[in-house]
N, C-alpha and C. Protein backbone atom coordinates (compact mmCIF):
# COMPACT_ATOMS: atom_id res chain seq x y z
N GLN A 1 40.51 -61.39 124.45
CA GLN A 1 40.99 -61.32 123.01
C GLN A 1 39.35 -62.50 122.58
N VAL A 2 39.00 -61.70 121.79
CA VAL A 2 37.46 -62.33 121.42
C VAL A 2 37.65 -63.57 120.79
N GLN A 3 36.28 -64.22 120.55
CA GLN A 3 36.32 -65.80 119.39
C GLN A 3 35.37 -65.83 119.20
N LEU A 4 34.91 -65.75 117.55
CA LEU A 4 34.03 -65.87 117.24
C LEU A 4 33.50 -67.42 116.44
N VAL A 5 32.41 -67.27 116.37
CA VAL A 5 32.27 -68.86 116.03
C VAL A 5 30.18 -68.31 114.67
N GLU A 6 30.78 -68.47 113.69
CA GLU A 6 30.12 -68.48 112.45
C GLU A 6 29.24 -69.54 112.78
N SER A 7 27.91 -68.90 112.48
CA SER A 7 26.71 -70.11 111.97
C SER A 7 26.00 -69.88 110.61
N GLY A 8 25.14 -70.99 110.46
CA GLY A 8 23.96 -70.60 109.55
C GLY A 8 24.15 -70.57 108.16
N GLY A 9 25.55 -71.42 107.46
CA GLY A 9 25.19 -70.73 106.25
C GLY A 9 24.65 -72.79 105.25
N GLY A 10 24.55 -73.04 104.38
CA GLY A 10 24.44 -73.72 103.61
C GLY A 10 24.25 -74.19 102.26
N LEU A 11 22.69 -74.72 101.82
CA LEU A 11 22.46 -74.65 100.25
C LEU A 11 21.34 -73.42 100.47
N VAL A 12 21.17 -72.77 99.49
CA VAL A 12 19.76 -71.87 99.11
C VAL A 12 19.20 -72.21 97.85
N GLN A 13 18.52 -71.32 96.88
CA GLN A 13 18.30 -72.06 95.48
C GLN A 13 18.14 -69.55 96.27
N ALA A 14 18.75 -69.82 94.03
CA ALA A 14 18.33 -68.13 93.87
C ALA A 14 17.06 -67.46 94.19
N GLY A 15 17.44 -66.40 94.72
CA GLY A 15 16.66 -65.89 95.07
C GLY A 15 15.97 -66.17 96.66
N GLY A 16 17.17 -66.75 96.76
CA GLY A 16 16.17 -67.21 99.02
C GLY A 16 16.80 -66.52 99.53
N SER A 17 17.07 -66.81 101.12
CA SER A 17 17.71 -66.41 102.07
C SER A 17 18.53 -67.07 103.39
N LEU A 18 18.79 -66.27 103.81
CA LEU A 18 20.00 -67.42 104.75
C LEU A 18 20.23 -66.15 105.43
N ARG A 19 20.16 -66.37 107.08
CA ARG A 19 20.74 -65.45 108.00
C ARG A 19 21.82 -66.15 109.07
N LEU A 20 23.45 -65.88 108.65
CA LEU A 20 24.52 -65.88 108.93
C LEU A 20 25.02 -65.93 110.42
N SER A 21 25.03 -66.37 111.11
CA SER A 21 25.22 -66.29 112.93
C SER A 21 26.80 -66.24 113.90
N CYS A 22 27.14 -64.85 113.68
CA CYS A 22 28.51 -64.89 114.28
C CYS A 22 28.52 -64.90 115.97
N ALA A 23 28.70 -66.28 116.65
CA ALA A 23 28.58 -65.71 118.20
C ALA A 23 30.11 -65.33 118.46
N ALA A 24 30.33 -64.52 119.25
CA ALA A 24 31.34 -64.03 120.16
C ALA A 24 31.63 -64.90 121.85
N SER A 25 33.07 -64.09 121.51
CA SER A 25 33.54 -65.11 123.66
C SER A 25 34.80 -64.64 123.70
N GLY A 26 34.57 -64.33 124.78
CA GLY A 26 36.14 -63.85 125.43
C GLY A 26 37.12 -62.12 125.33
N GLY A 27 35.11 -61.61 125.38
CA GLY A 27 36.13 -60.22 125.00
C GLY A 27 34.35 -59.54 125.50
N THR A 28 34.69 -58.05 125.54
CA THR A 28 33.76 -57.40 125.63
C THR A 28 32.92 -56.95 124.23
N PHE A 29 32.17 -57.86 124.35
CA PHE A 29 31.43 -57.64 122.84
C PHE A 29 31.10 -56.15 122.37
N SER A 30 30.63 -54.99 123.14
CA SER A 30 29.90 -54.29 122.54
C SER A 30 31.57 -53.03 122.48
N MET A 31 32.31 -52.97 122.78
CA MET A 31 33.54 -52.73 122.19
C MET A 31 34.35 -52.62 120.75
N TYR A 32 33.65 -53.90 120.31
CA TYR A 32 34.29 -54.60 119.19
C TYR A 32 33.26 -53.50 117.85
N ALA A 33 34.57 -53.17 117.09
CA ALA A 33 33.42 -53.60 115.61
C ALA A 33 33.78 -55.18 114.86
N LEU A 34 32.66 -54.75 114.17
CA LEU A 34 32.16 -56.81 113.66
C LEU A 34 32.00 -56.28 112.20
N ALA A 35 32.73 -57.96 111.62
CA ALA A 35 32.65 -57.14 109.81
C ALA A 35 32.57 -58.82 109.65
N TRP A 36 31.18 -58.80 108.38
CA TRP A 36 31.40 -60.04 107.63
C TRP A 36 32.33 -59.55 106.17
N PHE A 37 32.76 -61.19 105.80
CA PHE A 37 33.70 -60.94 104.43
C PHE A 37 33.51 -62.68 104.07
N ARG A 38 34.50 -62.49 102.85
CA ARG A 38 33.71 -64.31 101.97
C ARG A 38 34.64 -63.92 101.44
N GLN A 39 34.51 -65.43 100.37
CA GLN A 39 35.63 -66.17 99.92
C GLN A 39 35.48 -66.85 99.34
N ALA A 40 34.70 -66.76 98.10
CA ALA A 40 35.02 -67.75 96.51
C ALA A 40 36.13 -68.39 96.56
N PRO A 41 36.04 -69.86 95.55
CA PRO A 41 36.70 -71.04 95.34
C PRO A 41 37.77 -70.25 94.12
N GLY A 42 38.92 -70.04 93.87
CA GLY A 42 39.60 -69.26 93.93
C GLY A 42 39.34 -67.04 93.62
N LYS A 43 39.13 -66.81 94.36
CA LYS A 43 39.22 -65.30 94.78
C LYS A 43 39.12 -65.20 96.14
N GLU A 44 39.83 -64.05 96.23
CA GLU A 44 41.19 -63.99 97.24
C GLU A 44 39.11 -63.24 97.75
N ARG A 45 39.67 -63.24 99.14
CA ARG A 45 38.58 -62.61 100.69
C ARG A 45 38.33 -61.56 100.27
N GLU A 46 37.01 -61.42 100.25
CA GLU A 46 36.22 -60.22 100.09
C GLU A 46 35.28 -59.03 100.71
N PHE A 47 35.34 -58.25 101.08
CA PHE A 47 34.30 -57.56 102.15
C PHE A 47 32.90 -57.35 102.53
N VAL A 48 32.40 -57.77 103.44
CA VAL A 48 30.57 -57.14 102.89
C VAL A 48 29.84 -56.57 103.58
N SER A 49 30.31 -56.64 104.72
CA SER A 49 29.58 -55.62 105.39
C SER A 49 30.01 -54.77 106.64
N ALA A 50 30.65 -53.91 107.18
CA ALA A 50 31.42 -53.98 108.97
C ALA A 50 29.76 -53.08 109.62
N ASP A 51 30.29 -52.84 110.71
CA ASP A 51 29.57 -52.46 112.37
C ASP A 51 30.34 -52.42 112.92
N GLY A 52 30.50 -50.38 113.26
CA GLY A 52 31.78 -49.69 114.00
C GLY A 52 30.75 -50.02 115.18
N TRP A 53 32.00 -50.47 116.54
CA TRP A 53 31.86 -49.36 117.46
C TRP A 53 30.07 -48.68 118.14
N GLY A 54 30.27 -49.50 118.83
CA GLY A 54 28.58 -48.15 118.89
C GLY A 54 27.79 -48.63 117.71
N SER A 55 28.09 -49.15 117.67
CA SER A 55 27.11 -49.16 115.72
C SER A 55 26.78 -48.18 115.43
N ARG A 56 27.45 -46.75 115.18
CA ARG A 56 27.42 -45.97 115.12
C ARG A 56 26.86 -45.42 112.92
N ILE A 57 27.96 -46.65 112.83
CA ILE A 57 28.20 -47.42 111.59
C ILE A 57 28.28 -48.15 110.64
N THR A 58 27.25 -48.61 109.98
CA THR A 58 26.97 -49.81 109.13
C THR A 58 27.55 -49.47 107.68
N TYR A 59 28.73 -50.59 107.08
CA TYR A 59 28.64 -50.50 105.65
C TYR A 59 28.68 -51.76 104.97
N TYR A 60 28.44 -51.49 103.50
CA TYR A 60 28.34 -52.34 102.92
C TYR A 60 28.67 -52.40 101.91
N ALA A 61 29.77 -53.80 101.47
CA ALA A 61 29.93 -54.13 99.72
C ALA A 61 29.27 -53.27 98.94
N ASP A 62 29.44 -52.64 97.59
CA ASP A 62 28.19 -52.27 96.43
C ASP A 62 27.89 -53.62 95.65
N SER A 63 28.12 -54.99 95.79
CA SER A 63 27.13 -56.01 96.02
C SER A 63 26.22 -56.48 96.57
N VAL A 64 26.19 -56.29 97.77
CA VAL A 64 25.52 -57.03 98.32
C VAL A 64 24.53 -55.60 99.33
N LYS A 65 24.48 -54.48 99.09
CA LYS A 65 23.14 -52.95 99.04
C LYS A 65 22.44 -53.22 98.20
N GLY A 66 21.66 -52.93 99.94
CA GLY A 66 19.82 -52.90 99.68
C GLY A 66 19.37 -54.98 99.65
N ARG A 67 20.19 -55.52 99.47
CA ARG A 67 20.12 -57.11 99.60
C ARG A 67 20.85 -57.56 101.21
N PHE A 68 21.50 -57.51 101.96
CA PHE A 68 22.02 -58.59 102.83
C PHE A 68 21.56 -56.77 104.37
N THR A 69 21.70 -57.12 105.16
CA THR A 69 21.85 -56.43 105.55
C THR A 69 22.82 -57.04 107.06
N ILE A 70 23.74 -56.52 108.01
CA ILE A 70 23.82 -56.39 109.39
C ILE A 70 23.33 -56.09 110.21
N SER A 71 23.25 -56.98 111.45
CA SER A 71 22.62 -56.35 112.90
C SER A 71 23.80 -56.89 114.35
N ARG A 72 23.37 -56.78 114.88
CA ARG A 72 23.92 -57.06 116.05
C ARG A 72 23.46 -56.89 117.65
N ASP A 73 24.02 -57.70 118.38
CA ASP A 73 23.64 -57.51 119.90
C ASP A 73 24.22 -57.78 121.38
N ASN A 74 24.45 -56.90 121.83
CA ASN A 74 25.67 -56.51 122.21
C ASN A 74 24.99 -57.98 123.42
N ALA A 75 23.96 -58.42 124.11
CA ALA A 75 23.13 -58.50 125.12
C ALA A 75 23.76 -59.88 125.28
N LYS A 76 23.81 -60.74 123.97
CA LYS A 76 23.56 -61.46 123.26
C LYS A 76 25.38 -61.78 122.50
N SER A 77 26.14 -60.90 122.70
CA SER A 77 27.36 -61.45 122.12
C SER A 77 26.97 -61.84 120.44
N THR A 78 26.59 -61.88 119.85
CA THR A 78 26.80 -62.20 118.42
C THR A 78 25.82 -60.65 117.66
N VAL A 79 26.51 -61.32 116.43
CA VAL A 79 26.59 -60.63 114.85
C VAL A 79 26.03 -61.25 113.85
N TRP A 80 24.34 -60.74 113.27
CA TRP A 80 23.82 -61.33 111.95
C TRP A 80 24.54 -60.79 110.95
N LEU A 81 24.36 -61.00 109.91
CA LEU A 81 23.70 -61.74 108.32
C LEU A 81 22.85 -61.24 107.34
N GLN A 82 22.08 -61.32 107.84
CA GLN A 82 20.59 -61.67 107.55
C GLN A 82 20.92 -60.99 105.62
N MET A 83 21.19 -62.14 104.49
CA MET A 83 21.14 -62.34 103.23
C MET A 83 19.60 -62.29 102.05
N ASP A 84 19.23 -61.82 101.39
CA ASP A 84 17.89 -61.67 100.77
C ASP A 84 18.33 -61.56 99.21
N SER A 85 17.51 -62.66 98.79
CA SER A 85 17.77 -62.18 97.50
C SER A 85 19.06 -62.58 96.45
N LEU A 86 19.83 -64.45 97.35
CA LEU A 86 20.88 -64.23 97.06
C LEU A 86 20.70 -64.65 95.35
N LYS A 87 21.90 -65.36 95.22
CA LYS A 87 21.98 -64.67 93.79
C LYS A 87 23.50 -65.77 93.95
N PRO A 88 23.57 -66.46 92.25
CA PRO A 88 25.33 -68.10 92.51
C PRO A 88 25.74 -66.70 92.72
N GLU A 89 26.43 -65.50 92.42
CA GLU A 89 27.64 -65.42 92.67
C GLU A 89 28.43 -64.97 93.72
N ASP A 90 26.74 -64.77 94.98
CA ASP A 90 27.31 -64.56 96.72
C ASP A 90 27.94 -66.23 97.17
N THR A 91 28.26 -67.36 96.09
CA THR A 91 28.43 -69.04 96.84
C THR A 91 29.78 -68.52 97.22
N ALA A 92 30.42 -68.07 98.44
CA ALA A 92 31.45 -68.50 99.47
C ALA A 92 31.47 -68.93 100.71
N VAL A 93 32.52 -68.87 101.07
CA VAL A 93 33.15 -69.27 102.80
C VAL A 93 32.68 -67.58 103.22
N TYR A 94 31.53 -67.83 104.50
CA TYR A 94 31.55 -66.26 105.15
C TYR A 94 32.40 -65.92 106.45
N TYR A 95 33.15 -65.54 106.64
CA TYR A 95 33.73 -65.57 107.60
C TYR A 95 33.79 -64.34 108.46
N CYS A 96 33.27 -64.55 109.93
CA CYS A 96 32.80 -63.21 110.88
C CYS A 96 34.37 -62.39 111.25
N ALA A 97 34.59 -61.26 111.91
CA ALA A 97 36.02 -60.57 111.53
C ALA A 97 35.23 -59.64 113.12
N ALA A 98 36.35 -59.09 113.39
CA ALA A 98 35.69 -57.96 114.47
C ALA A 98 38.03 -57.64 115.29
N ILE A 99 37.36 -56.05 115.67
CA ILE A 99 38.71 -55.31 115.60
C ILE A 99 38.53 -54.61 116.98
N TYR A 100 39.09 -54.06 117.74
CA TYR A 100 38.27 -53.39 119.31
C TYR A 100 38.43 -52.42 118.68
N GLY A 101 37.48 -51.86 119.71
CA GLY A 101 37.74 -49.83 119.43
C GLY A 101 37.74 -49.43 118.36
N GLN A 102 37.35 -49.78 117.01
CA GLN A 102 36.16 -48.80 115.91
C GLN A 102 35.32 -48.96 115.62
N GLY A 103 35.65 -47.27 115.52
CA GLY A 103 34.04 -46.70 115.27
C GLY A 103 33.86 -46.32 113.97
N ARG A 104 34.45 -46.72 113.57
CA ARG A 104 34.57 -46.62 111.51
C ARG A 104 35.61 -47.81 111.67
N PRO A 105 35.54 -48.93 111.54
CA PRO A 105 36.29 -50.04 110.74
C PRO A 105 37.21 -50.36 109.38
N GLY A 106 38.18 -50.55 109.01
CA GLY A 106 37.87 -51.12 107.59
C GLY A 106 37.45 -52.14 106.73
N ARG A 107 38.21 -52.66 105.32
CA ARG A 107 37.22 -53.23 104.75
C ARG A 107 37.99 -54.55 104.07
N GLY A 108 39.25 -54.04 104.11
CA GLY A 108 40.76 -54.83 104.21
C GLY A 108 40.97 -55.95 105.69
N GLN A 109 41.09 -57.11 104.64
CA GLN A 109 41.39 -58.59 105.89
C GLN A 109 41.91 -57.68 107.33
N ARG A 110 42.83 -57.46 106.45
CA ARG A 110 44.24 -56.83 107.49
C ARG A 110 44.33 -56.28 108.63
N ASP A 111 42.86 -54.85 108.42
CA ASP A 111 41.81 -54.86 108.76
C ASP A 111 41.60 -55.25 110.95
N TYR A 112 41.05 -56.50 111.46
CA TYR A 112 40.83 -57.09 111.12
C TYR A 112 41.76 -58.44 112.08
N PRO A 113 42.21 -58.22 113.34
CA PRO A 113 43.29 -59.14 113.84
C PRO A 113 42.25 -60.29 114.22
N TYR A 114 40.83 -60.48 114.10
CA TYR A 114 40.25 -61.30 115.16
C TYR A 114 39.41 -62.50 113.95
N TRP A 115 39.30 -63.48 113.86
CA TRP A 115 38.05 -63.98 112.55
C TRP A 115 37.77 -66.00 113.40
N GLY A 116 36.91 -66.03 112.32
CA GLY A 116 36.47 -67.17 112.94
C GLY A 116 36.34 -68.14 112.05
N GLN A 117 35.76 -69.18 112.14
CA GLN A 117 36.32 -70.95 111.11
C GLN A 117 35.48 -70.56 109.61
N GLY A 118 34.98 -69.71 109.74
CA GLY A 118 34.10 -69.73 109.00
C GLY A 118 33.09 -70.76 108.17
N THR A 119 32.21 -69.75 107.31
CA THR A 119 30.50 -70.92 106.78
C THR A 119 30.10 -71.41 105.77
N GLN A 120 30.09 -72.49 104.94
CA GLN A 120 30.02 -72.17 103.21
C GLN A 120 28.25 -71.99 102.92
N VAL A 121 28.11 -71.41 101.58
CA VAL A 121 27.16 -70.39 102.00
C VAL A 121 27.15 -70.45 100.39
N THR A 122 25.91 -71.59 99.42
CA THR A 122 25.99 -71.97 98.38
C THR A 122 24.58 -71.63 97.42
N VAL A 123 24.48 -70.53 96.76
CA VAL A 123 23.64 -70.63 96.15
C VAL A 123 23.28 -70.92 94.67
N SER A 124 22.15 -72.13 94.74
CA SER A 124 22.36 -72.48 92.98
C SER A 124 21.28 -71.50 92.57
N SER A 125 21.13 -72.05 90.77
CA SER A 125 20.41 -71.37 90.00
C SER A 125 18.86 -72.02 90.03
């Protein structure tokens, strides 16, 4: 069973950048598909980006496409979310999630059994 710990959140002005990290332990990292979700106050948790097992496929929510980039380093058991051109509507708690052995993981919360504790991202206007 994999454990996930996010870091890198903070306060940034609109137009700025942040890089979130998610460090994994307790599993064969390279065999997991990884994803980022976010939850803004009063809203449901939503899909942001995913990276399939073997990094053969990555995809993004339309709202972040062209601004966010997901990447991973299997040797470091870490996945990152580079967030550029941030907007106030990107303000949310960002969560890392994982599922074993999915080359094409889903976009729903229920598709992922493993979750981190979340990291707050606040974008000021």
